[in-house]
Amino acid sequence: MKIHGISSEIPLFRTVEFNKNFSIVLGVAKSRGEGKSHNLGKTTLIELIDHILFGSRDSERIKAIKENFPNPVFTVELRMGSETRKIVADYTKKKKAAFSTEVKQSYEYFIRFQDDYKDEFRKVSIRGKDLSWKPLLLRLMGFNERPLVEKYEIESTIQDYDKFIEIAASSGMKREGRAEEIARLEARRTELMNAIASLNFGSIEDSTSAQLASEVDSRILYAKRELFVQRKELSAVTEALRSTAFVQFTPERIEQIYADLNIYFGEQVKRDLSDVQEFFVQVTENRSTALSAMKKRILESVSTLEQELTILNEKRAQYLQLIVAPGSIDLYRQLSPQLAETETELSLLKQDVYRESIQTATAERNLLKTQQLTLAAQVASEIDEHDATFREIKSHYHQIMADVMDIDSELVIEKNSTGNLDFRTISWRDQSPSQELKGEMAKKISCAAFDVALRIVNNDDSGFIIHDGVIDNADRNIKKKFIEAMKRRSIQYNFQYIMTAISDDLPDSVEHEDIVITLSDKSDRELLLGRTF
């Protein structure tokens, strides 16, 4: 899949037709003393292509286009083998991605913007935990990512079990001075039972007495025990609903802090903070919904138990009317609820109400840990025994870095005993480790070299790579070597390489036909969209 061109129904939009293999989108620098050229449309062009093809989130540039142009309709024309395909995006309507999530993921490392050169492996656009990107990267490197995915999923479940066990243990009746508390309650129970035994039940019929003792009181005791537990749960859920899980913040507040400190607050930072805010809001809403549903169920259970207790107490009162001893009914009514409450608390103290759940969760967690170790071994085996594609990627990466930066460097996958993977780049000079890859320009070239190496071995669709601003601020020699290396490889391995650049010190080796569009702010018509906005 190669990009033939992009056009628009916006009248002054400058249509761009890309070369089959190598293209430069050029920005003309401002006059000396005014700094580098920005807002000419170089990055906007790349964002439009990314957004139209893969449905990435609306950036500030995309939002501005929607707001400032009456007919924001764009067409991207693709070469797909011997056929062409036109992707039309009408920004006045709801837009869908042109390609599936799988295709979008396969191009994750083939479009880099100006803030994507800090890490070869984890781009700014990659969010979430390791599960969201390491398996994808492993697949692009030629490995079977399934054992790693299953390991992450099991680890997530183990964390859920750990959290459950922690909550269950803290919610159980495990407290300091437990023996002392039990002794106190047992003494209180003995006092209550002795007091009840002293009441005059002599006039009550034997059958009624048996039913009162063995049936009604037992049912009341059970109902009150359940009601006690439910009210404890209700209290815990209500408290949880009063607490928010995440800090409340807005990107606007963070932006104001940056402004007060005179620190540049970039568009990507805004996008990231908006995504974080959206994530926090969504998780808080999901949590509140789940807790509210739980509270509703507990309230219904409490209501049912309270109704049952009312009926049972009324029935007991009917039986007590048979007692003839003066004052016995009133005294029994006072003592019986106290005895039921004492029995309930004592029962809960003598047994951990969460014990069986904790034991079950612990057993299942231990089983999962065994499976985790098995999968960790499978991940390690996969890295060690099926690395033919990865070795090819490493070779291409090493050669590009040597050609452009004269640096001996290597891609490394480190694995530990738990099966976790770390992706690193290392460099050396004269057979000794060096810190050369920590330099800003070396890191940018390293990111580009990694992408190109991936593309060379993952090029079944004769696809494209787009690098925005990759050699900005580089010296003339590096620019020359880089352009030559990219152009030569794009032709040799039949992929399409598109880069944006500014005109400062552009090497003489760049041919006129390599430049597919020149953007400048000398006049509005030389801008991408025909005017500033």
Protein backbone atom coordinates (compact mmCIF):
# COMPACT_ATOMS: atom_id res chain seq x y z
CA MET A 1 0.00 0.00 0.00
CA LYS A 2 1.59 3.24 -1.19
CA ILE A 3 0.17 6.75 -1.15
CA HIS A 4 -0.32 8.16 -4.64
CA GLY A 5 -1.61 11.55 -3.51
CA ILE A 6 -3.95 13.64 -1.42
CA SER A 7 -6.42 16.28 -2.63
CA SER A 8 -9.26 18.29 -1.19
CA GLU A 9 -12.41 20.19 -2.09
CA ILE A 10 -11.06 23.12 -0.10
CA PRO A 11 -10.42 25.52 -3.02
CA LEU A 12 -6.85 26.61 -2.16
CA PHE A 13 -5.63 23.26 -0.83
CA ARG A 14 -2.42 22.29 -2.58
CA THR A 15 -2.79 18.81 -4.03
CA VAL A 16 0.22 16.56 -3.37
CA GLU A 17 1.32 13.63 -5.53
CA PHE A 18 3.95 11.40 -3.97
CA ASN A 19 6.71 9.49 -5.71
CA LYS A 20 6.62 5.71 -5.80
CA ASN A 21 9.66 5.28 -3.54
CA PHE A 22 11.13 8.48 -2.13
CA SER A 23 9.49 11.85 -1.45
CA ILE A 24 10.36 14.99 0.47
CA VAL A 25 7.78 17.47 1.76
CA LEU A 26 9.87 20.63 2.04
CA GLY A 27 9.37 23.69 4.20
CA VAL A 28 11.25 26.86 3.31
CA ALA A 29 12.97 28.42 6.32
CA LYS A 30 12.20 32.00 7.25
CA SER A 31 14.80 34.65 6.78
CA ARG A 32 17.77 34.66 9.14
CA GLY A 33 16.91 35.78 12.66
CA GLU A 34 13.29 34.68 12.50
CA GLY A 35 13.85 31.02 13.40
CA LYS A 36 12.71 27.90 11.65
CA SER A 37 9.56 27.64 9.61
CA HIS A 38 6.53 26.27 11.38
CA ASN A 39 2.81 26.06 10.64
CA LEU A 40 3.41 25.80 6.93
CA GLY A 41 1.45 22.56 6.70
CA LYS A 42 4.14 19.84 6.78
CA THR A 43 2.86 18.14 9.93
CA THR A 44 -0.75 18.92 9.04
CA LEU A 45 -0.31 16.97 5.81
CA ILE A 46 0.99 13.92 7.72
CA GLU A 47 -1.78 14.18 10.31
CA LEU A 48 -4.42 14.28 7.59
CA ILE A 49 -3.06 11.11 5.98
CA ASP A 50 -2.84 9.32 9.34
CA HIS A 51 -6.32 10.47 10.38
CA ILE A 52 -8.02 9.61 7.10
CA LEU A 53 -6.46 6.16 6.76
CA PHE A 54 -6.32 4.95 10.35
CA GLY A 55 -8.81 7.06 12.27
CA SER A 56 -6.44 8.41 14.90
CA ARG A 57 -7.80 10.88 17.46
CA ASP A 58 -8.61 14.40 16.33
CA SER A 59 -5.58 16.61 16.87
CA GLU A 60 -5.84 20.36 17.33
CA ARG A 61 -4.93 20.75 13.66
CA ILE A 62 -7.75 18.45 12.51
CA LYS A 63 -10.23 20.24 14.78
CA ALA A 64 -9.07 23.60 13.40
CA ILE A 65 -9.60 22.40 9.81
CA LYS A 66 -13.14 21.30 10.65
CA GLU A 67 -13.90 24.66 12.27
CA ASN A 68 -12.29 26.98 9.72
CA PHE A 69 -13.20 25.53 6.32
CA PRO A 70 -16.77 25.22 4.99
CA ASN A 71 -16.14 22.15 2.85
CA PRO A 72 -13.44 20.03 4.56
CA VAL A 73 -13.54 17.01 2.24
CA PHE A 74 -10.28 15.18 1.50
CA THR A 75 -9.36 12.28 -0.76
CA VAL A 76 -6.33 10.03 -0.30
CA GLU A 77 -5.51 7.90 -3.33
CA LEU A 78 -3.62 4.66 -2.68
CA ARG A 79 -1.70 2.27 -4.88
CA MET A 80 -2.52 -1.26 -3.76
CA GLY A 81 -0.64 -3.61 -6.05
CA SER A 82 -1.92 -3.07 -9.58
CA GLU A 83 -5.08 -1.34 -8.33
CA THR A 84 -5.88 2.09 -6.93
CA ARG A 85 -8.23 2.91 -4.10
CA LYS A 86 -9.63 6.29 -3.12
CA ILE A 87 -10.40 7.04 0.53
CA VAL A 88 -12.74 10.02 0.91
CA ALA A 89 -13.09 11.77 4.26
CA ASP A 90 -15.90 14.31 4.65
CA TYR A 91 -15.24 16.09 7.94
CA THR A 92 -18.75 17.53 8.01
CA LYS A 93 -19.95 14.01 8.73
CA LYS A 94 -19.02 11.34 11.23
CA LYS A 95 -15.88 9.62 9.98
CA LYS A 96 -14.92 5.96 10.16
CA ALA A 97 -11.42 4.56 9.79
CA ALA A 98 -10.67 3.26 6.31
CA PHE A 99 -8.79 0.22 7.59
CA SER A 100 -9.21 -2.34 10.35
CA THR A 101 -7.52 -2.14 13.75
CA GLU A 102 -5.13 -4.90 12.64
CA VAL A 103 -3.93 -2.87 9.64
CA LYS A 104 -3.69 0.25 11.80
CA GLN A 105 -1.51 -1.62 14.30
CA SER A 106 0.74 -2.93 11.53
CA TYR A 107 1.47 0.72 10.60
CA GLU A 108 2.08 1.84 14.20
CA TYR A 109 5.84 2.14 13.66
CA PHE A 110 5.64 3.50 10.12
CA ILE A 111 4.34 7.01 10.91
CA ARG A 112 6.34 9.18 13.31
CA PHE A 113 5.64 12.79 14.18
CA GLN A 114 8.14 15.29 15.56
CA ASP A 115 7.60 14.23 19.19
CA ASP A 116 7.92 10.51 18.43
CA TYR A 117 11.72 10.26 18.45
CA LYS A 118 12.42 9.87 22.16
CA ASP A 119 12.10 6.08 22.16
CA GLU A 120 12.55 3.58 19.35
CA PHE A 121 10.00 1.14 20.75
CA ARG A 122 7.32 3.06 22.63
CA LYS A 123 5.94 5.98 20.66
CA VAL A 124 3.98 8.83 22.19
CA SER A 125 0.84 7.48 20.51
CA ILE A 126 1.15 4.17 22.38
CA ARG A 127 -0.77 4.36 25.64
CA GLY A 128 -1.63 1.88 28.33
CA LYS A 129 0.27 -0.99 29.91
CA ASP A 130 2.81 -3.29 28.28
CA LEU A 131 -0.01 -5.48 26.98
CA SER A 132 -1.08 -2.65 24.67
CA TRP A 133 2.17 -2.55 22.69
CA LYS A 134 4.83 -5.17 23.52
CA PRO A 135 2.95 -8.10 21.89
CA LEU A 136 2.46 -5.99 18.74
CA LEU A 137 6.15 -5.14 18.62
CA LEU A 138 7.06 -8.78 19.19
CA ARG A 139 4.86 -9.82 16.25
CA LEU A 140 6.45 -7.23 13.96
CA MET A 141 9.83 -8.62 14.96
CA GLY A 142 8.81 -12.06 13.72
CA PHE A 143 7.93 -13.78 17.00
CA ASN A 144 4.76 -15.53 18.13
CA GLU A 145 3.29 -13.01 20.57
CA ARG A 146 0.56 -15.32 21.94
CA PRO A 147 2.52 -16.64 24.99
CA LEU A 148 3.33 -13.05 25.99
CA VAL A 149 -0.32 -11.98 25.61
CA GLU A 150 -1.50 -14.93 27.72
CA LYS A 151 1.17 -14.18 30.34
CA TYR A 152 0.01 -10.55 30.63
CA GLU A 153 -3.63 -11.64 30.87
CA ILE A 154 -2.80 -14.12 33.63
CA GLU A 155 -0.75 -11.50 35.49
CA SER A 156 -3.72 -9.14 35.32
CA THR A 157 -5.97 -11.84 36.79
CA ILE A 158 -3.39 -12.55 39.53
CA GLN A 159 -3.42 -8.85 40.42
CA ASP A 160 -7.23 -8.99 40.62
CA TYR A 161 -6.99 -11.97 42.99
CA ASP A 162 -4.37 -10.18 45.10
CA LYS A 163 -6.63 -7.15 45.40
CA PHE A 164 -9.64 -9.30 46.27
CA ILE A 165 -7.72 -11.17 48.96
CA GLU A 166 -6.46 -7.89 50.41
CA ILE A 167 -9.97 -6.40 50.52
CA ALA A 168 -11.54 -9.60 51.86
CA ALA A 169 -8.94 -9.89 54.60
CA SER A 170 -9.37 -6.26 55.67
CA SER A 171 -13.17 -6.60 55.53
CA GLY A 172 -13.22 -9.80 57.60
CA MET A 173 -13.61 -9.78 61.34
CA LYS A 174 -9.84 -9.88 61.95
CA ARG A 175 -8.91 -7.35 64.57
CA GLU A 176 -6.46 -6.80 67.43
CA GLY A 177 -7.66 -8.05 70.84
CA ARG A 178 -9.93 -10.63 69.26
CA ALA A 179 -9.74 -13.08 72.21
CA GLU A 180 -10.61 -10.31 74.64
CA GLU A 181 -13.59 -9.25 72.50
CA ILE A 182 -14.86 -12.84 72.30
CA ALA A 183 -14.59 -13.27 76.06
CA ARG A 184 -16.53 -10.05 76.64
CA LEU A 185 -19.32 -11.09 74.28
CA GLU A 186 -19.55 -14.59 75.75
CA ALA A 187 -19.94 -13.10 79.22
CA ARG A 188 -22.61 -10.76 77.91
CA ARG A 189 -24.44 -13.67 76.26
CA THR A 190 -24.37 -15.64 79.54
CA GLU A 191 -25.86 -12.66 81.38
CA LEU A 192 -28.66 -12.30 78.84
CA MET A 193 -29.47 -16.01 78.80
CA ASN A 194 -29.58 -16.11 82.62
CA ALA A 195 -31.89 -13.10 82.66
CA ILE A 196 -34.20 -14.68 80.09
CA ALA A 197 -34.14 -17.98 81.98
CA SER A 198 -35.33 -16.20 85.13
CA LEU A 199 -38.52 -15.06 83.43
CA ASN A 200 -41.78 -16.81 84.35
CA PHE A 201 -42.76 -18.92 81.36
CA GLY A 202 -44.65 -21.39 83.47
CA SER A 203 -48.10 -20.61 82.07
CA ILE A 204 -47.04 -21.01 78.45
CA GLU A 205 -48.10 -24.18 76.65
CA ASP A 206 -45.32 -26.70 75.94
CA SER A 207 -45.97 -26.72 72.19
CA THR A 208 -45.95 -22.95 72.04
CA SER A 209 -42.80 -22.77 74.14
CA ALA A 210 -41.04 -25.27 71.82
CA GLN A 211 -42.08 -23.35 68.71
CA LEU A 212 -41.01 -20.03 70.27
CA ALA A 213 -37.61 -21.38 71.27
CA SER A 214 -36.75 -23.61 68.32
CA GLU A 215 -38.44 -21.96 65.36
CA VAL A 216 -39.28 -18.29 65.70
CA ASP A 217 -36.22 -17.24 67.71
CA SER A 218 -33.91 -19.28 65.48
CA ARG A 219 -35.34 -17.61 62.40
CA ILE A 220 -35.07 -14.21 64.03
CA LEU A 221 -31.47 -14.90 65.01
CA TYR A 222 -30.60 -15.98 61.45
CA ALA A 223 -32.33 -12.95 59.91
CA LYS A 224 -30.57 -10.56 62.27
CA ARG A 225 -27.20 -12.14 61.56
CA GLU A 226 -27.78 -11.71 57.82
CA LEU A 227 -29.01 -8.16 58.36
CA PHE A 228 -25.86 -7.38 60.36
CA VAL A 229 -23.63 -8.61 57.53
CA GLN A 230 -25.64 -6.79 54.85
CA ARG A 231 -25.49 -3.51 56.76
CA LYS A 232 -21.71 -3.88 57.08
CA GLU A 233 -21.49 -4.38 53.31
CA LEU A 234 -23.84 -1.44 52.71
CA SER A 235 -21.65 0.79 54.87
CA ALA A 236 -18.53 -0.25 52.93
CA VAL A 237 -20.16 0.36 49.52
CA THR A 238 -21.61 3.72 50.62
CA GLU A 239 -18.17 4.81 51.82
CA ALA A 240 -16.65 3.69 48.51
CA LEU A 241 -19.19 5.76 46.58
CA ARG A 242 -18.23 8.81 48.60
CA SER A 243 -14.60 8.38 47.59
CA THR A 244 -13.36 9.14 44.10
CA ALA A 245 -10.76 6.80 42.63
CA PHE A 246 -8.78 9.43 40.77
CA VAL A 247 -7.64 12.98 41.16
CA GLN A 248 -9.76 15.56 39.48
CA PHE A 249 -7.88 17.67 37.00
CA THR A 250 -8.35 19.31 33.63
CA PRO A 251 -5.86 19.93 30.84
CA GLU A 252 -6.73 23.61 31.15
CA ARG A 253 -5.44 23.73 34.74
CA ILE A 254 -2.19 22.02 33.76
CA GLU A 255 -1.84 24.39 30.80
CA GLN A 256 -2.22 27.38 33.15
CA ILE A 257 0.55 26.01 35.37
CA TYR A 258 2.80 25.67 32.30
CA ALA A 259 1.92 29.23 31.31
CA ASP A 260 2.71 30.58 34.79
CA LEU A 261 6.12 28.89 34.60
CA ASN A 262 6.71 30.10 31.02
CA ILE A 263 7.08 26.49 29.86
CA TYR A 264 6.00 25.49 26.37
CA PHE A 265 2.78 23.46 26.48
CA GLY A 266 2.78 21.42 23.27
CA GLU A 267 -0.20 20.08 21.37
CA GLN A 268 0.84 16.49 22.08
CA VAL A 269 0.83 17.23 25.83
CA LYS A 270 -2.71 18.58 25.47
CA ARG A 271 -3.76 15.45 23.62
CA ASP A 272 -2.18 13.17 26.20
CA LEU A 273 -3.77 15.00 29.13
CA SER A 274 -7.15 14.96 27.41
CA ASP A 275 -6.80 11.22 26.91
CA VAL A 276 -5.82 10.77 30.57
CA GLN A 277 -8.76 12.90 31.68
CA GLU A 278 -11.10 10.90 29.46
CA PHE A 279 -9.67 7.65 30.87
CA PHE A 280 -10.13 8.83 34.47
CA VAL A 281 -13.72 9.95 33.81
CA GLN A 282 -14.60 6.65 32.12
CA VAL A 283 -13.08 4.49 34.86
CA THR A 284 -14.76 6.60 37.59
CA GLU A 285 -18.11 6.31 35.83
CA ASN A 286 -17.72 2.52 35.45
CA ARG A 287 -16.71 2.21 39.10
CA SER A 288 -19.66 4.32 40.29
CA THR A 289 -22.08 2.36 38.13
CA ALA A 290 -20.85 -0.97 39.53
CA LEU A 291 -20.96 0.28 43.13
CA SER A 292 -24.43 1.79 42.65
CA ALA A 293 -25.74 -1.51 41.29
CA MET A 294 -24.16 -3.32 44.25
CA LYS A 295 -25.71 -0.82 46.69
CA LYS A 296 -29.12 -1.29 45.10
CA ARG A 297 -28.90 -5.07 45.52
CA ILE A 298 -27.82 -4.73 49.17
CA LEU A 299 -30.63 -2.25 49.91
CA GLU A 300 -33.15 -4.67 48.43
CA SER A 301 -31.73 -7.47 50.59
CA VAL A 302 -31.80 -5.28 53.72
CA SER A 303 -35.40 -4.29 53.01
CA THR A 304 -36.42 -7.93 52.61
CA LEU A 305 -34.71 -8.93 55.87
CA GLU A 306 -36.27 -6.02 57.75
CA GLN A 307 -39.74 -7.02 56.51
CA GLU A 308 -39.10 -10.63 57.52
CA LEU A 309 -37.99 -9.51 61.00
CA THR A 310 -41.11 -7.40 61.40
CA ILE A 311 -43.31 -10.40 60.61
CA LEU A 312 -41.33 -12.68 62.92
CA ASN A 313 -41.42 -10.18 65.79
CA GLU A 314 -45.16 -9.83 65.40
CA LYS A 315 -45.52 -13.62 65.49
CA ARG A 316 -43.33 -13.81 68.57
CA ALA A 317 -45.41 -11.12 70.25
CA GLN A 318 -48.51 -13.24 69.64
CA TYR A 319 -46.86 -16.17 71.42
CA LEU A 320 -45.72 -13.96 74.27
CA GLN A 321 -49.27 -12.90 74.97
CA LEU A 322 -49.73 -16.38 76.48
CA ILE A 323 -47.22 -15.57 79.21
CA VAL A 324 -49.07 -14.58 82.38
CA ALA A 325 -46.20 -13.44 84.61
CA PRO A 326 -46.44 -9.63 85.05
CA GLY A 327 -43.71 -7.75 83.18
CA SER A 328 -42.26 -10.85 81.50
CA ILE A 329 -43.33 -9.79 77.99
CA ASP A 330 -41.76 -6.33 78.22
CA LEU A 331 -38.57 -7.69 79.74
CA TYR A 332 -38.28 -10.43 77.15
CA ARG A 333 -38.74 -7.87 74.38
CA GLN A 334 -35.79 -5.94 75.77
CA LEU A 335 -33.52 -8.91 76.34
CA SER A 336 -34.18 -10.95 73.22
CA PRO A 337 -32.90 -8.40 70.63
CA GLN A 338 -29.79 -7.86 72.76
CA LEU A 339 -29.17 -11.60 72.85
CA ALA A 340 -29.67 -11.89 69.07
CA GLU A 341 -27.22 -9.04 68.39
CA THR A 342 -24.66 -10.51 70.79
CA GLU A 343 -24.99 -13.94 69.20
CA THR A 344 -24.48 -12.43 65.75
CA GLU A 345 -21.33 -10.49 66.67
CA LEU A 346 -19.92 -13.46 68.57
CA SER A 347 -20.57 -15.78 65.61
CA LEU A 348 -18.83 -13.45 63.21
CA LEU A 349 -15.86 -13.04 65.51
CA LYS A 350 -15.42 -16.80 65.94
CA GLN A 351 -15.35 -17.39 62.22
CA ASP A 352 -13.79 -15.40 59.40
CA VAL A 353 -16.80 -14.82 57.14
CA TYR A 354 -14.47 -14.41 54.16
CA ARG A 355 -12.30 -17.42 54.97
CA GLU A 356 -13.64 -19.75 52.29
CA SER A 357 -13.51 -17.02 49.63
CA ILE A 358 -9.94 -16.15 50.54
CA GLN A 359 -8.90 -19.80 50.52
CA THR A 360 -10.50 -20.36 47.11
CA ALA A 361 -8.97 -17.17 45.67
CA THR A 362 -5.54 -18.06 47.06
CA ALA A 363 -5.66 -21.55 45.55
CA GLU A 364 -6.69 -20.21 42.15
CA ARG A 365 -4.06 -17.48 42.31
CA ASN A 366 -1.35 -20.04 43.07
CA LEU A 367 -2.48 -22.13 40.12
CA LEU A 368 -2.29 -19.05 37.88
CA LYS A 369 1.22 -18.30 39.14
CA THR A 370 2.28 -21.76 38.03
CA GLN A 371 0.79 -21.10 34.58
CA GLN A 372 2.54 -17.70 34.57
CA LEU A 373 5.92 -19.36 35.05
CA THR A 374 5.15 -21.85 32.27
CA LEU A 375 4.26 -19.01 29.89
CA ALA A 376 7.36 -17.06 30.95
CA ALA A 377 9.44 -20.05 29.89
CA GLN A 378 7.57 -20.19 26.58
CA VAL A 379 8.24 -16.48 25.97
CA ALA A 380 11.95 -16.97 26.67
CA SER A 381 12.04 -20.03 24.41
CA GLU A 382 10.30 -18.10 21.62
CA ILE A 383 12.88 -15.30 21.81
CA ASP A 384 15.81 -17.71 21.87
CA GLU A 385 14.69 -20.25 19.27
CA HIS A 386 12.70 -18.29 16.66
CA ASP A 387 14.79 -15.17 16.14
CA ALA A 388 15.59 -15.48 12.41
CA THR A 389 13.44 -12.48 11.47
CA PHE A 390 14.67 -10.47 14.43
CA ARG A 391 18.29 -11.12 13.48
CA GLU A 392 17.51 -9.78 9.99
CA ILE A 393 15.93 -6.65 11.49
CA LYS A 394 18.97 -6.19 13.74
CA SER A 395 21.27 -6.47 10.75
CA HIS A 396 19.43 -3.78 8.77
CA TYR A 397 19.27 -1.49 11.81
CA HIS A 398 22.97 -1.90 12.50
CA GLN A 399 23.89 -1.13 8.90
CA ILE A 400 21.71 2.01 8.72
CA MET A 401 23.23 3.38 11.93
CA ALA A 402 26.72 2.67 10.61
CA ASP A 403 25.97 4.32 7.23
CA VAL A 404 24.37 7.47 8.66
CA MET A 405 25.91 8.01 12.11
CA ASP A 406 29.06 5.87 11.98
CA ILE A 407 27.87 4.18 15.20
CA ASP A 408 28.13 0.49 16.05
CA SER A 409 24.72 -0.25 17.53
CA GLU A 410 22.38 -3.13 18.15
CA LEU A 411 18.76 -3.91 19.02
CA VAL A 412 18.43 -6.00 22.18
CA ILE A 413 15.54 -7.91 23.76
CA GLU A 414 16.18 -8.52 27.45
CA LYS A 415 14.11 -11.10 29.34
CA ASN A 416 13.98 -11.89 33.04
CA SER A 417 12.87 -14.91 35.06
CA THR A 418 9.22 -13.78 35.13
CA GLY A 419 9.08 -13.57 31.34
CA ASN A 420 8.94 -9.77 31.18
CA LEU A 421 10.65 -8.24 28.16
CA ASP A 422 12.57 -5.00 27.76
CA PHE A 423 13.54 -3.62 24.36
CA ARG A 424 16.75 -1.59 24.24
CA THR A 425 19.35 -0.24 21.89
CA ILE A 426 23.04 -0.36 22.78
CA SER A 427 26.10 1.15 21.14
CA TRP A 428 29.82 0.69 21.40
CA ARG A 429 32.99 2.11 19.94
CA ASP A 430 36.32 0.34 19.75
CA GLN A 431 34.64 -2.65 21.39
CA SER A 432 33.69 -0.60 24.47
CA PRO A 433 30.14 0.47 25.43
CA SER A 434 29.33 4.05 24.49
CA GLN A 435 26.60 6.57 25.27
CA GLU A 436 26.29 7.84 21.71
CA LEU A 437 22.66 6.79 21.31
CA LYS A 438 21.67 9.15 24.12
CA GLY A 439 22.30 12.17 21.91
CA GLU A 440 19.21 13.84 20.46
CA MET A 441 20.13 13.44 16.79
CA ALA A 442 21.52 9.92 17.26
CA LYS A 443 18.25 8.93 18.96
CA LYS A 444 16.18 10.37 16.09
CA ILE A 445 18.19 8.50 13.49
CA SER A 446 17.99 5.36 15.63
CA CYS A 447 14.18 5.59 15.70
CA ALA A 448 14.08 6.02 11.93
CA ALA A 449 16.54 3.16 11.39
CA PHE A 450 14.41 0.87 13.54
CA ASP A 451 11.26 1.74 11.55
CA VAL A 452 12.98 1.16 8.22
CA ALA A 453 14.44 -2.15 9.39
CA LEU A 454 10.95 -3.24 10.44
CA ARG A 455 9.53 -2.15 7.09
CA ILE A 456 12.14 -4.02 5.08
CA VAL A 457 11.17 -7.34 6.70
CA ASN A 458 7.43 -6.54 6.97
CA ASN A 459 6.83 -5.35 3.45
CA ASP A 460 4.33 -7.82 2.03
CA ASP A 461 2.08 -4.91 1.04
CA SER A 462 4.93 -2.79 -0.41
CA GLY A 463 3.95 -0.22 2.19
CA PHE A 464 5.00 3.25 3.24
CA ILE A 465 6.92 5.00 6.00
CA ILE A 466 6.41 8.65 6.96
CA HIS A 467 8.92 10.51 9.14
CA ASP A 468 8.09 14.07 10.16
CA GLY A 469 11.07 16.33 10.90
CA VAL A 470 13.51 13.45 11.36
CA ILE A 471 16.62 15.35 10.22
CA ASP A 472 15.62 18.86 11.33
CA ASN A 473 18.62 20.52 13.05
CA ALA A 474 21.03 17.84 11.83
CA ASP A 475 24.31 18.88 10.26
CA ARG A 476 24.71 18.81 6.50
CA ASN A 477 26.75 15.60 6.48
CA ILE A 478 24.18 13.60 8.46
CA LYS A 479 21.38 14.93 6.25
CA LYS A 480 23.25 13.83 3.16
CA LYS A 481 23.99 10.36 4.48
CA PHE A 482 20.46 9.88 5.80
CA ILE A 483 18.71 10.89 2.58
CA GLU A 484 21.00 8.69 0.53
CA ALA A 485 20.43 5.72 2.87
CA MET A 486 16.62 6.09 2.81
CA LYS A 487 16.37 6.66 -0.90
CA ARG A 488 18.61 3.71 -1.73
CA ARG A 489 16.72 1.31 0.53
CA SER A 490 13.26 2.45 -0.55
CA ILE A 491 14.16 1.56 -4.14
CA GLN A 492 16.01 -1.65 -3.27
CA TYR A 493 13.24 -3.05 -1.05
CA ASN A 494 10.31 -1.44 -2.88
CA PHE A 495 8.71 0.55 -0.08
CA GLN A 496 7.66 4.19 -0.06
CA TYR A 497 9.57 6.61 2.14
CA ILE A 498 8.09 10.05 2.80
CA MET A 499 9.85 12.62 4.96
CA THR A 500 9.31 16.26 5.86
CA ALA A 501 12.28 18.58 6.04
CA ILE A 502 13.18 22.25 6.15
CA SER A 503 15.32 23.77 3.43
CA ASP A 504 18.30 24.78 5.62
CA ASP A 505 21.44 23.03 4.42
CA LEU A 506 19.52 20.53 2.33
CA PRO A 507 22.28 18.51 0.65
CA ASP A 508 23.02 18.87 -3.04
CA SER A 509 22.34 15.16 -3.51
CA VAL A 510 18.60 15.86 -3.27
CA GLU A 511 17.18 15.82 -6.78
CA HIS A 512 14.45 18.19 -7.92
CA GLU A 513 11.95 15.36 -8.45
CA ASP A 514 12.50 14.11 -4.87
CA ILE A 515 10.65 17.19 -3.58
CA VAL A 516 6.92 16.67 -4.11
CA ILE A 517 5.80 19.98 -2.59
CA THR A 518 7.48 23.11 -1.22
CA LEU A 519 5.61 24.95 1.52
CA SER A 520 6.38 28.51 2.49
CA ASP A 521 4.81 31.41 4.37
CA LYS A 522 6.00 33.99 1.85
CA SER A 523 2.39 34.12 0.70
CA ASP A 524 -0.82 32.37 1.75
CA ARG A 525 -1.01 30.50 -1.54
CA GLU A 526 2.27 28.77 -0.71
CA LEU A 527 0.78 27.28 2.47
CA LEU A 528 -0.81 23.83 2.38
CA LEU A 529 -4.38 25.03 2.88
CA GLY A 530 -4.04 28.35 1.11
CA ARG A 531 -4.23 30.51 4.22
CA THR A 532 -3.35 30.69 7.90
CA PHE A 533 -5.99 29.83 10.48
